[in-house]
């Protein structure tokens, strides 16, 4: 599975959400998007669920970041 990385830590709201959704629109079917964010994107999760994306989030407390992995469900 190919992995694309997106770092949105330097962006102010709502740009991280917009950039993530735009990236998902062009993400190849067999790819995963890994997002590095400075906060947990709570508004993103319902949008991903509505669109059928699988996602998981890990909080890296040491570095103060959130790592979000997003992929299409297995068919």
PDB file of N, CA and C in Angstrom:
ATOM      1  N   UNK A   1       0.846  -1.182   0.000  1.00  0.00           N
ATOM      2  CA  UNK A   1       0.000   0.000   0.000  1.00  0.00           C
ATOM      3  C   UNK A   1       0.887   1.241   0.000  1.00  0.00           C
ATOM      4  N   UNK A   2       0.626   2.119  -0.920  1.00  0.00           N
ATOM      5  CA  UNK A   2       1.357   3.376  -1.010  1.00  0.00           C
ATOM      6  C   UNK A   2       0.901   4.311   0.109  1.00  0.00           C
ATOM      7  N   UNK A   3       1.829   5.086   0.647  1.00  0.00           N
ATOM      8  CA  UNK A   3       1.505   6.042   1.702  1.00  0.00           C
ATOM      9  C   UNK A   3       1.867   7.444   1.247  1.00  0.00           C
ATOM     10  N   UNK A   4       0.901   8.350   1.374  1.00  0.00           N
ATOM     11  CA  UNK A   4       1.167   9.776   1.124  1.00  0.00           C
ATOM     12  C   UNK A   4       1.135  10.468   2.470  1.00  0.00           C
ATOM     13  N   UNK A   5       2.047  11.404   2.649  1.00  0.00           N
ATOM     14  CA  UNK A   5       2.147  12.121   3.915  1.00  0.00           C
ATOM     15  C   UNK A   5       1.730  13.577   3.717  1.00  0.00           C
ATOM     16  N   UNK A   6       1.036  14.090   4.729  1.00  0.00           N
ATOM     17  CA  UNK A   6       0.584  15.478   4.707  1.00  0.00           C
ATOM     18  C   UNK A   6       0.802  16.064   6.091  1.00  0.00           C
ATOM     19  N   UNK A   7       1.588  17.122   6.160  1.00  0.00           N
ATOM     20  CA  UNK A   7       1.876  17.799   7.423  1.00  0.00           C
ATOM     21  C   UNK A   7       1.121  19.122   7.432  1.00  0.00           C
ATOM     22  N   UNK A   8       0.151  19.248   8.330  1.00  0.00           N
ATOM     23  CA  UNK A   8      -0.667  20.459   8.386  1.00  0.00           C
ATOM     24  C   UNK A   8      -0.416  21.264   9.658  1.00  0.00           C
ATOM     25  N   UNK A   9       0.687  20.979  10.336  1.00  0.00           N
ATOM     26  CA  UNK A   9       0.975  21.647  11.615  1.00  0.00           C
ATOM     27  C   UNK A   9       1.132  23.153  11.487  1.00  0.00           C
ATOM     28  N   UNK A  10       1.569  23.642  10.363  1.00  0.00           N
ATOM     29  CA  UNK A  10       1.814  25.081  10.226  1.00  0.00           C
ATOM     30  C   UNK A  10       0.580  25.854   9.760  1.00  0.00           C
ATOM     31  N   UNK A  11      -0.527  25.166   9.546  1.00  0.00           N
ATOM     32  CA  UNK A  11      -1.719  25.806   9.000  1.00  0.00           C
ATOM     33  C   UNK A  11      -2.731  26.157  10.081  1.00  0.00           C
ATOM     34  N   UNK A  12      -3.410  27.270   9.875  1.00  0.00           N
ATOM     35  CA  UNK A  12      -4.471  27.703  10.799  1.00  0.00           C
ATOM     36  C   UNK A  12      -5.811  27.178  10.289  1.00  0.00           C
ATOM     37  N   UNK A  13      -6.722  26.943  11.212  1.00  0.00           N
ATOM     38  CA  UNK A  13      -8.064  26.470  10.849  1.00  0.00           C
ATOM     39  C   UNK A  13      -8.739  27.498   9.949  1.00  0.00           C
ATOM     40  N   UNK A  14      -9.499  27.066   8.982  1.00  0.00           N
ATOM     41  CA  UNK A  14      -9.924  25.702   8.651  1.00  0.00           C
ATOM     42  C   UNK A  14      -9.046  25.032   7.592  1.00  0.00           C
ATOM     43  N   UNK A  15      -7.896  25.603   7.295  1.00  0.00           N
ATOM     44  CA  UNK A  15      -7.070  25.079   6.199  1.00  0.00           C
ATOM     45  C   UNK A  15      -6.644  23.615   6.368  1.00  0.00           C
ATOM     46  N   UNK A  16      -6.292  23.151   7.583  1.00  0.00           N
ATOM     47  CA  UNK A  16      -5.939  21.730   7.684  1.00  0.00           C
ATOM     48  C   UNK A  16      -7.069  20.802   7.217  1.00  0.00           C
ATOM     49  N   UNK A  17      -8.282  21.088   7.638  1.00  0.00           N
ATOM     50  CA  UNK A  17      -9.430  20.280   7.233  1.00  0.00           C
ATOM     51  C   UNK A  17      -9.606  20.330   5.716  1.00  0.00           C
ATOM     52  N   UNK A  18      -9.518  21.506   5.151  1.00  0.00           N
ATOM     53  CA  UNK A  18      -9.682  21.666   3.705  1.00  0.00           C
ATOM     54  C   UNK A  18      -8.588  20.933   2.941  1.00  0.00           C
ATOM     55  N   UNK A  19      -7.355  21.016   3.398  1.00  0.00           N
ATOM     56  CA  UNK A  19      -6.228  20.349   2.725  1.00  0.00           C
ATOM     57  C   UNK A  19      -6.357  18.834   2.807  1.00  0.00           C
ATOM     58  N   UNK A  20      -6.781  18.328   3.954  1.00  0.00           N
ATOM     59  CA  UNK A  20      -6.942  16.879   4.112  1.00  0.00           C
ATOM     60  C   UNK A  20      -8.021  16.370   3.163  1.00  0.00           C
ATOM     61  N   UNK A  21      -9.170  17.028   3.135  1.00  0.00           N
ATOM     62  CA  UNK A  21     -10.261  16.600   2.261  1.00  0.00           C
ATOM     63  C   UNK A  21      -9.868  16.697   0.791  1.00  0.00           C
ATOM     64  N   UNK A  22      -9.141  17.737   0.419  1.00  0.00           N
ATOM     65  CA  UNK A  22      -8.680  17.882  -0.966  1.00  0.00           C
ATOM     66  C   UNK A  22      -7.714  16.759  -1.328  1.00  0.00           C
ATOM     67  N   UNK A  23      -6.849  16.401  -0.426  1.00  0.00           N
ATOM     68  CA  UNK A  23      -5.893  15.311  -0.670  1.00  0.00           C
ATOM     69  C   UNK A  23      -6.625  13.976  -0.828  1.00  0.00           C
ATOM     70  N   UNK A  24      -7.658  13.763  -0.031  1.00  0.00           N
ATOM     71  CA  UNK A  24      -8.421  12.518  -0.136  1.00  0.00           C
ATOM     72  C   UNK A  24      -9.148  12.412  -1.471  1.00  0.00           C
ATOM     73  N   UNK A  25      -9.538  13.561  -2.037  1.00  0.00           N
ATOM     74  CA  UNK A  25     -10.228  13.555  -3.335  1.00  0.00           C
ATOM     75  C   UNK A  25      -9.337  13.002  -4.443  1.00  0.00           C
ATOM     76  N   UNK A  26      -8.020  13.143  -4.309  1.00  0.00           N
ATOM     77  CA  UNK A  26      -7.107  12.687  -5.361  1.00  0.00           C
ATOM     78  C   UNK A  26      -6.264  11.485  -4.942  1.00  0.00           C
ATOM     79  N   UNK A  27      -6.524  10.959  -3.758  1.00  0.00           N
ATOM     80  CA  UNK A  27      -5.750   9.828  -3.251  1.00  0.00           C
ATOM     81  C   UNK A  27      -6.058   8.575  -4.065  1.00  0.00           C
ATOM     82  N   UNK A  28      -5.026   7.898  -4.581  1.00  0.00           N
ATOM     83  CA  UNK A  28      -5.269   6.656  -5.317  1.00  0.00           C
ATOM     84  C   UNK A  28      -5.977   5.621  -4.443  1.00  0.00           C
ATOM     85  N   UNK A  29      -6.729   4.750  -5.064  1.00  0.00           N
ATOM     86  CA  UNK A  29      -7.542   3.766  -4.356  1.00  0.00           C
ATOM     87  C   UNK A  29      -6.718   2.887  -3.421  1.00  0.00           C
ATOM     88  N   UNK A  30      -5.501   2.562  -3.801  1.00  0.00           N
ATOM     89  CA  UNK A  30      -4.672   1.655  -3.011  1.00  0.00           C
ATOM     90  C   UNK A  30      -3.703   2.386  -2.082  1.00  0.00           C
ATOM     91  N   UNK A  31      -3.988   3.639  -1.781  1.00  0.00           N
ATOM     92  CA  UNK A  31      -3.074   4.441  -0.969  1.00  0.00           C
ATOM     93  C   UNK A  31      -3.679   4.773   0.389  1.00  0.00           C
ATOM     94  N   UNK A  32      -2.797   5.181   1.277  1.00  0.00           N
ATOM     95  CA  UNK A  32      -3.184   5.630   2.615  1.00  0.00           C
ATOM     96  C   UNK A  32      -2.623   7.044   2.787  1.00  0.00           C
ATOM     97  N   UNK A  33      -3.367   7.882   3.492  1.00  0.00           N
ATOM     98  CA  UNK A  33      -2.910   9.233   3.804  1.00  0.00           C
ATOM     99  C   UNK A  33      -2.535   9.290   5.272  1.00  0.00           C
ATOM    100  N   UNK A  34      -1.318   9.731   5.548  1.00  0.00           N
ATOM    101  CA  UNK A  34      -0.871   9.907   6.923  1.00  0.00           C
ATOM    102  C   UNK A  34      -0.690  11.394   7.175  1.00  0.00           C
ATOM    103  N   UNK A  35      -1.466  11.906   8.113  1.00  0.00           N
ATOM    104  CA  UNK A  35      -1.507  13.336   8.415  1.00  0.00           C
ATOM    105  C   UNK A  35      -0.822  13.596   9.749  1.00  0.00           C
ATOM    106  N   UNK A  36       0.014  14.620   9.778  1.00  0.00           N
ATOM    107  CA  UNK A  36       0.615  15.105  11.018  1.00  0.00           C
ATOM    108  C   UNK A  36      -0.062  16.433  11.342  1.00  0.00           C
ATOM    109  N   UNK A  37      -0.658  16.510  12.531  1.00  0.00           N
ATOM    110  CA  UNK A  37      -1.466  17.683  12.901  1.00  0.00           C
ATOM    111  C   UNK A  37      -1.059  18.145  14.299  1.00  0.00           C
ATOM    112  N   UNK A  38      -1.235  19.417  14.575  1.00  0.00           N
ATOM    113  CA  UNK A  38      -0.878  19.973  15.887  1.00  0.00           C
ATOM    114  C   UNK A  38      -1.998  19.812  16.909  1.00  0.00           C
ATOM    115  N   UNK A  39      -3.192  19.412  16.446  1.00  0.00           N
ATOM    116  CA  UNK A  39      -4.304  19.168  17.362  1.00  0.00           C
ATOM    117  C   UNK A  39      -5.170  18.048  16.815  1.00  0.00           C
ATOM    118  N   UNK A  40      -6.000  17.484  17.643  1.00  0.00           N
ATOM    119  CA  UNK A  40      -6.866  16.413  17.172  1.00  0.00           C
ATOM    120  C   UNK A  40      -7.987  17.010  16.320  1.00  0.00           C
ATOM    121  N   UNK A  41      -8.148  16.542  15.092  1.00  0.00           N
ATOM    122  CA  UNK A  41      -9.133  17.141  14.171  1.00  0.00           C
ATOM    123  C   UNK A  41     -10.544  16.561  14.372  1.00  0.00           C
ATOM    124  N   UNK A  42     -11.178  16.944  15.440  1.00  0.00           N
ATOM    125  CA  UNK A  42     -12.478  16.373  15.802  1.00  0.00           C
ATOM    126  C   UNK A  42     -13.557  16.606  14.742  1.00  0.00           C
ATOM    127  N   UNK A  43     -13.490  17.716  14.024  1.00  0.00           N
ATOM    128  CA  UNK A  43     -14.487  17.988  12.983  1.00  0.00           C
ATOM    129  C   UNK A  43     -14.273  17.121  11.750  1.00  0.00           C
ATOM    130  N   UNK A  44     -13.082  16.588  11.590  1.00  0.00           N
ATOM    131  CA  UNK A  44     -12.774  15.742  10.439  1.00  0.00           C
ATOM    132  C   UNK A  44     -13.423  14.370  10.540  1.00  0.00           C
ATOM    133  N   UNK A  45     -13.448  13.784  11.716  1.00  0.00           N
ATOM    134  CA  UNK A  45     -13.897  12.403  11.878  1.00  0.00           C
ATOM    135  C   UNK A  45     -15.307  12.134  11.338  1.00  0.00           C
ATOM    136  N   UNK A  46     -16.312  12.966  11.651  1.00  0.00           N
ATOM    137  CA  UNK A  46     -17.653  12.693  11.093  1.00  0.00           C
ATOM    138  C   UNK A  46     -17.679  12.772   9.566  1.00  0.00           C
ATOM    139  N   UNK A  47     -16.868  13.661   9.005  1.00  0.00           N
ATOM    140  CA  UNK A  47     -16.815  13.778   7.541  1.00  0.00           C
ATOM    141  C   UNK A  47     -16.211  12.523   6.924  1.00  0.00           C
ATOM    142  N   UNK A  48     -15.174  11.993   7.559  1.00  0.00           N
ATOM    143  CA  UNK A  48     -14.568  10.755   7.069  1.00  0.00           C
ATOM    144  C   UNK A  48     -15.558   9.603   7.173  1.00  0.00           C
ATOM    145  N   UNK A  49     -16.261   9.526   8.299  1.00  0.00           N
ATOM    146  CA  UNK A  49     -17.248   8.458   8.494  1.00  0.00           C
ATOM    147  C   UNK A  49     -18.353   8.526   7.440  1.00  0.00           C
ATOM    148  N   UNK A  50     -18.836   9.723   7.152  1.00  0.00           N
ATOM    149  CA  UNK A  50     -19.897   9.896   6.152  1.00  0.00           C
ATOM    150  C   UNK A  50     -19.448   9.433   4.780  1.00  0.00           C
ATOM    151  N   UNK A  51     -18.170   9.618   4.481  1.00  0.00           N
ATOM    152  CA  UNK A  51     -17.624   9.276   3.169  1.00  0.00           C
ATOM    153  C   UNK A  51     -17.085   7.844   3.107  1.00  0.00           C
ATOM    154  N   UNK A  52     -17.157   7.122   4.226  1.00  0.00           N
ATOM    155  CA  UNK A  52     -16.752   5.734   4.238  1.00  0.00           C
ATOM    156  C   UNK A  52     -15.261   5.482   4.405  1.00  0.00           C
ATOM    157  N   UNK A  53     -14.503   6.468   4.854  1.00  0.00           N
ATOM    158  CA  UNK A  53     -13.070   6.295   5.069  1.00  0.00           C
ATOM    159  C   UNK A  53     -12.815   5.660   6.431  1.00  0.00           C
ATOM    160  N   UNK A  54     -11.810   4.810   6.508  1.00  0.00           N
ATOM    161  CA  UNK A  54     -11.366   4.274   7.792  1.00  0.00           C
ATOM    162  C   UNK A  54     -10.256   5.182   8.300  1.00  0.00           C
ATOM    163  N   UNK A  55     -10.217   5.375   9.614  1.00  0.00           N
ATOM    164  CA  UNK A  55      -9.194   6.272  10.155  1.00  0.00           C
ATOM    165  C   UNK A  55      -8.828   5.853  11.569  1.00  0.00           C
ATOM    166  N   UNK A  56      -7.617   6.196  11.927  1.00  0.00           N
ATOM    167  CA  UNK A  56      -7.152   5.986  13.299  1.00  0.00           C
ATOM    168  C   UNK A  56      -6.224   7.135  13.648  1.00  0.00           C
ATOM    169  N   UNK A  57      -6.201   7.464  14.930  1.00  0.00           N
ATOM    170  CA  UNK A  57      -5.398   8.585  15.399  1.00  0.00           C
ATOM    171  C   UNK A  57      -4.569   8.155  16.600  1.00  0.00           C
ATOM    172  N   UNK A  58      -3.327   8.594  16.595  1.00  0.00           N
ATOM    173  CA  UNK A  58      -2.418   8.354  17.712  1.00  0.00           C
ATOM    174  C   UNK A  58      -1.901   9.709  18.176  1.00  0.00           C
ATOM    175  N   UNK A  59      -1.940   9.938  19.471  1.00  0.00           N
ATOM    176  CA  UNK A  59      -1.391  11.176  20.029  1.00  0.00           C
ATOM    177  C   UNK A  59       0.035  10.913  20.492  1.00  0.00           C
ATOM    178  N   UNK A  60       0.975  11.586  19.895  1.00  0.00           N
ATOM    179  CA  UNK A  60       2.387  11.494  20.277  1.00  0.00           C
ATOM    180  C   UNK A  60       2.624  12.577  21.324  1.00  0.00           C
ATOM    181  N   UNK A  61       2.499  12.212  22.594  1.00  0.00           N
ATOM    182  CA  UNK A  61       2.609  13.187  23.677  1.00  0.00           C
ATOM    183  C   UNK A  61       3.997  13.804  23.771  1.00  0.00           C
ATOM    184  N   UNK A  62       5.002  13.016  23.491  1.00  0.00           N
ATOM    185  CA  UNK A  62       6.381  13.502  23.578  1.00  0.00           C
ATOM    186  C   UNK A  62       6.609  14.689  22.635  1.00  0.00           C
ATOM    187  N   UNK A  63       6.071  14.581  21.415  1.00  0.00           N
ATOM    188  CA  UNK A  63       6.259  15.634  20.419  1.00  0.00           C
ATOM    189  C   UNK A  63       5.065  16.573  20.302  1.00  0.00           C
ATOM    190  N   UNK A  64       3.992  16.282  21.027  1.00  0.00           N
ATOM    191  CA  UNK A  64       2.819  17.152  21.016  1.00  0.00           C
ATOM    192  C   UNK A  64       2.105  17.198  19.681  1.00  0.00           C
ATOM    193  N   UNK A  65       2.045  16.053  18.986  1.00  0.00           N
ATOM    194  CA  UNK A  65       1.386  16.016  17.686  1.00  0.00           C
ATOM    195  C   UNK A  65       0.394  14.855  17.630  1.00  0.00           C
ATOM    196  N   UNK A  66      -0.495  14.934  16.651  1.00  0.00           N
ATOM    197  CA  UNK A  66      -1.439  13.868  16.359  1.00  0.00           C
ATOM    198  C   UNK A  66      -1.076  13.291  15.003  1.00  0.00           C
ATOM    199  N   UNK A  67      -1.071  11.976  14.931  1.00  0.00           N
ATOM    200  CA  UNK A  67      -0.788  11.253  13.695  1.00  0.00           C
ATOM    201  C   UNK A  67      -2.072  10.539  13.276  1.00  0.00           C
ATOM    202  N   UNK A  68      -2.617  10.946  12.138  1.00  0.00           N
ATOM    203  CA  UNK A  68      -3.891  10.421  11.674  1.00  0.00           C
ATOM    204  C   UNK A  68      -3.642   9.606  10.402  1.00  0.00           C
ATOM    205  N   UNK A  69      -4.085   8.375  10.408  1.00  0.00           N
ATOM    206  CA  UNK A  69      -3.964   7.501   9.233  1.00  0.00           C
ATOM    207  C   UNK A  69      -5.352   7.317   8.644  1.00  0.00           C
ATOM    208  N   UNK A  70      -5.483   7.569   7.337  1.00  0.00           N
ATOM    209  CA  UNK A  70      -6.777   7.508   6.661  1.00  0.00           C
ATOM    210  C   UNK A  70      -6.638   6.628   5.423  1.00  0.00           C
ATOM    211  N   UNK A  71      -7.600   5.710   5.251  1.00  0.00           N
ATOM    212  CA  UNK A  71      -7.568   4.832   4.085  1.00  0.00           C
ATOM    213  C   UNK A  71      -8.983   4.411   3.726  1.00  0.00           C
ATOM    214  N   UNK A  72      -9.123   3.933   2.501  1.00  0.00           N
ATOM    215  CA  UNK A  72     -10.406   3.384   2.075  1.00  0.00           C
ATOM    216  C   UNK A  72     -10.603   2.037   2.744  1.00  0.00           C
ATOM    217  N   UNK A  73     -11.835   1.639   2.978  1.00  0.00           N
ATOM    218  CA  UNK A  73     -12.060   0.311   3.550  1.00  0.00           C
ATOM    219  C   UNK A  73     -11.632  -0.778   2.575  1.00  0.00           C
ATOM    220  N   UNK A  74     -11.201  -1.907   3.096  1.00  0.00           N
ATOM    221  CA  UNK A  74     -10.838  -3.044   2.251  1.00  0.00           C
ATOM    222  C   UNK A  74     -12.080  -3.567   1.563  1.00  0.00           C
ATOM    223  N   UNK A  75     -11.915  -3.927   0.316  1.00  0.00           N
ATOM    224  CA  UNK A  75     -13.081  -4.431  -0.447  1.00  0.00           C
ATOM    225  C   UNK A  75     -13.027  -5.925  -0.577  1.00  0.00           C
TER     226      UNK A  75
END
